Amino acid sequence: MVKILPIASRVQKLVDRHNVRRKFEKQLDFLRQDLRHPSLNDELLEPKWRGLHSFRIDRKYRATYFKYEDADEIEILDITVHYQ
């Protein structure tokens, strides 16, 4: 099971501004349980050496995150419009 670090207030505000709180929390639960859960549609972003990933919140929004391999922790960095 993966630990998700406390979410920054800036990210919380984006979640609220885009009105995706329930969807975001649901996806975080999937993320905690299984990084490969099909509904996350996890993607490794370019350039791959940076280790940034994103997962789907809904059809329009994605969350960008960084996974600390040695600590098995995830930090949510941003909420973005998909295909931006």
C-alpha atoms as a PDB file:
ATOM      1  CA  MET A   1       0.000   0.000   0.000  1.00  0.00           C
ATOM      2  CA  VAL A   2       1.290   3.435  -0.977  1.00  0.00           C
ATOM      3  CA  LYS A   3       1.274   6.434   1.339  1.00  0.00           C
ATOM      4  CA  ILE A   4       0.070   9.740  -0.104  1.00  0.00           C
ATOM      5  CA  LEU A   5       1.776  12.775   1.381  1.00  0.00           C
ATOM      6  CA  PRO A   6      -0.441  15.640   2.637  1.00  0.00           C
ATOM      7  CA  ILE A   7      -1.924  17.503  -0.308  1.00  0.00           C
ATOM      8  CA  ALA A   8      -0.784  21.105  -0.705  1.00  0.00           C
ATOM      9  CA  SER A   9      -3.417  23.795  -0.257  1.00  0.00           C
ATOM     10  CA  ARG A  10      -2.778  25.007  -3.827  1.00  0.00           C
ATOM     11  CA  VAL A  11      -3.771  21.568  -5.155  1.00  0.00           C
ATOM     12  CA  GLN A  12      -6.796  21.433  -2.819  1.00  0.00           C
ATOM     13  CA  LYS A  13      -7.945  24.770  -4.239  1.00  0.00           C
ATOM     14  CA  LEU A  14      -7.623  23.466  -7.805  1.00  0.00           C
ATOM     15  CA  VAL A  15      -9.687  20.395  -6.916  1.00  0.00           C
ATOM     16  CA  ASP A  16     -12.390  22.634  -5.456  1.00  0.00           C
ATOM     17  CA  ARG A  17     -12.231  25.157  -8.326  1.00  0.00           C
ATOM     18  CA  HIS A  18     -12.760  22.376 -10.876  1.00  0.00           C
ATOM     19  CA  ASN A  19     -15.478  20.808  -8.707  1.00  0.00           C
ATOM     20  CA  VAL A  20     -13.947  17.307  -8.768  1.00  0.00           C
ATOM     21  CA  ARG A  21     -13.559  16.659  -5.017  1.00  0.00           C
ATOM     22  CA  ARG A  22     -15.514  13.364  -4.918  1.00  0.00           C
ATOM     23  CA  LYS A  23     -13.864  12.015  -8.060  1.00  0.00           C
ATOM     24  CA  PHE A  24     -10.420  13.043  -6.808  1.00  0.00           C
ATOM     25  CA  GLU A  25     -10.918  11.309  -3.443  1.00  0.00           C
ATOM     26  CA  LYS A  26     -12.163   8.162  -5.173  1.00  0.00           C
ATOM     27  CA  GLN A  27      -9.110   8.056  -7.429  1.00  0.00           C
ATOM     28  CA  LEU A  28      -6.817   8.632  -4.429  1.00  0.00           C
ATOM     29  CA  ASP A  29      -8.329   5.546  -2.794  1.00  0.00           C
ATOM     30  CA  PHE A  30      -7.556   3.517  -5.921  1.00  0.00           C
ATOM     31  CA  LEU A  31      -4.045   4.981  -5.982  1.00  0.00           C
ATOM     32  CA  ARG A  32      -3.408   3.978  -2.356  1.00  0.00           C
ATOM     33  CA  GLN A  33      -4.567   0.418  -2.991  1.00  0.00           C
ATOM     34  CA  ASP A  34      -3.102  -0.322  -6.432  1.00  0.00           C
ATOM     35  CA  LEU A  35      -1.032   1.967  -8.667  1.00  0.00           C
ATOM     36  CA  ARG A  36      -2.062  -0.120 -11.662  1.00  0.00           C
ATOM     37  CA  HIS A  37      -5.819   0.140 -11.100  1.00  0.00           C
ATOM     38  CA  PRO A  38      -7.440   0.394 -14.563  1.00  0.00           C
ATOM     39  CA  SER A  39      -9.538   3.493 -13.839  1.00  0.00           C
ATOM     40  CA  LEU A  40      -6.432   5.533 -12.963  1.00  0.00           C
ATOM     41  CA  ASN A  41      -5.079   5.392 -16.523  1.00  0.00           C
ATOM     42  CA  ASP A  42      -1.635   6.078 -15.073  1.00  0.00           C
ATOM     43  CA  GLU A  43       0.899   7.609 -17.479  1.00  0.00           C
ATOM     44  CA  LEU A  44       4.636   8.170 -17.131  1.00  0.00           C
ATOM     45  CA  LEU A  45       5.221  11.696 -18.431  1.00  0.00           C
ATOM     46  CA  GLU A  46       8.011  12.871 -20.704  1.00  0.00           C
ATOM     47  CA  PRO A  47      10.883  13.187 -20.105  1.00  0.00           C
ATOM     48  CA  LYS A  48      10.687   9.804 -18.406  1.00  0.00           C
ATOM     49  CA  TRP A  49      13.887  10.267 -16.388  1.00  0.00           C
ATOM     50  CA  ARG A  50      12.109  12.831 -14.188  1.00  0.00           C
ATOM     51  CA  GLY A  51       9.759  10.160 -12.858  1.00  0.00           C
ATOM     52  CA  LEU A  52       6.593  12.259 -13.072  1.00  0.00           C
ATOM     53  CA  HIS A  53       3.304  10.425 -13.522  1.00  0.00           C
ATOM     54  CA  SER A  54      -0.302  11.445 -13.989  1.00  0.00           C
ATOM     55  CA  PHE A  55      -3.592   9.727 -13.290  1.00  0.00           C
ATOM     56  CA  ARG A  56      -7.069  10.402 -14.547  1.00  0.00           C
ATOM     57  CA  ILE A  57      -9.540  12.160 -12.243  1.00  0.00           C
ATOM     58  CA  ASP A  58     -12.215  12.205 -14.934  1.00  0.00           C
ATOM     59  CA  ARG A  59     -12.313  12.614 -18.709  1.00  0.00           C
ATOM     60  CA  LYS A  60     -11.254  16.261 -18.474  1.00  0.00           C
ATOM     61  CA  TYR A  61      -8.812  16.442 -15.523  1.00  0.00           C
ATOM     62  CA  ARG A  62      -5.632  14.640 -14.520  1.00  0.00           C
ATOM     63  CA  ALA A  63      -3.463  14.829 -11.425  1.00  0.00           C
ATOM     64  CA  THR A  64       0.311  14.946 -11.729  1.00  0.00           C
ATOM     65  CA  TYR A  65       2.339  13.168  -9.058  1.00  0.00           C
ATOM     66  CA  PHE A  66       5.817  12.045  -8.116  1.00  0.00           C
ATOM     67  CA  LYS A  67       6.446   8.630  -6.571  1.00  0.00           C
ATOM     68  CA  TYR A  68       9.351   8.382  -4.144  1.00  0.00           C
ATOM     69  CA  GLU A  69      10.592   4.862  -4.885  1.00  0.00           C
ATOM     70  CA  ASP A  70      12.697   4.367  -1.749  1.00  0.00           C
ATOM     71  CA  ALA A  71       9.963   5.561   0.642  1.00  0.00           C
ATOM     72  CA  ASP A  72       6.919   4.166  -1.229  1.00  0.00           C
ATOM     73  CA  GLU A  73       5.275   7.594  -0.977  1.00  0.00           C
ATOM     74  CA  ILE A  74       3.438   9.747  -3.499  1.00  0.00           C
ATOM     75  CA  GLU A  75       3.253  13.526  -3.665  1.00  0.00           C
ATOM     76  CA  ILE A  76       0.421  15.083  -5.687  1.00  0.00           C
ATOM     77  CA  LEU A  77       1.883  18.081  -7.512  1.00  0.00           C
ATOM     78  CA  ASP A  78      -0.823  19.539  -9.729  1.00  0.00           C
ATOM     79  CA  ILE A  79      -4.261  19.205 -11.294  1.00  0.00           C
ATOM     80  CA  THR A  80      -4.359  19.876 -15.037  1.00  0.00           C
ATOM     81  CA  VAL A  81      -6.731  19.789 -17.958  1.00  0.00           C
ATOM     82  CA  HIS A  82      -6.093  16.622 -19.940  1.00  0.00           C
ATOM     83  CA  TYR A  83      -4.622  17.141 -23.423  1.00  0.00           C
ATOM     84  CA  GLN A  84      -3.426  20.614 -22.544  1.00  0.00           C
END
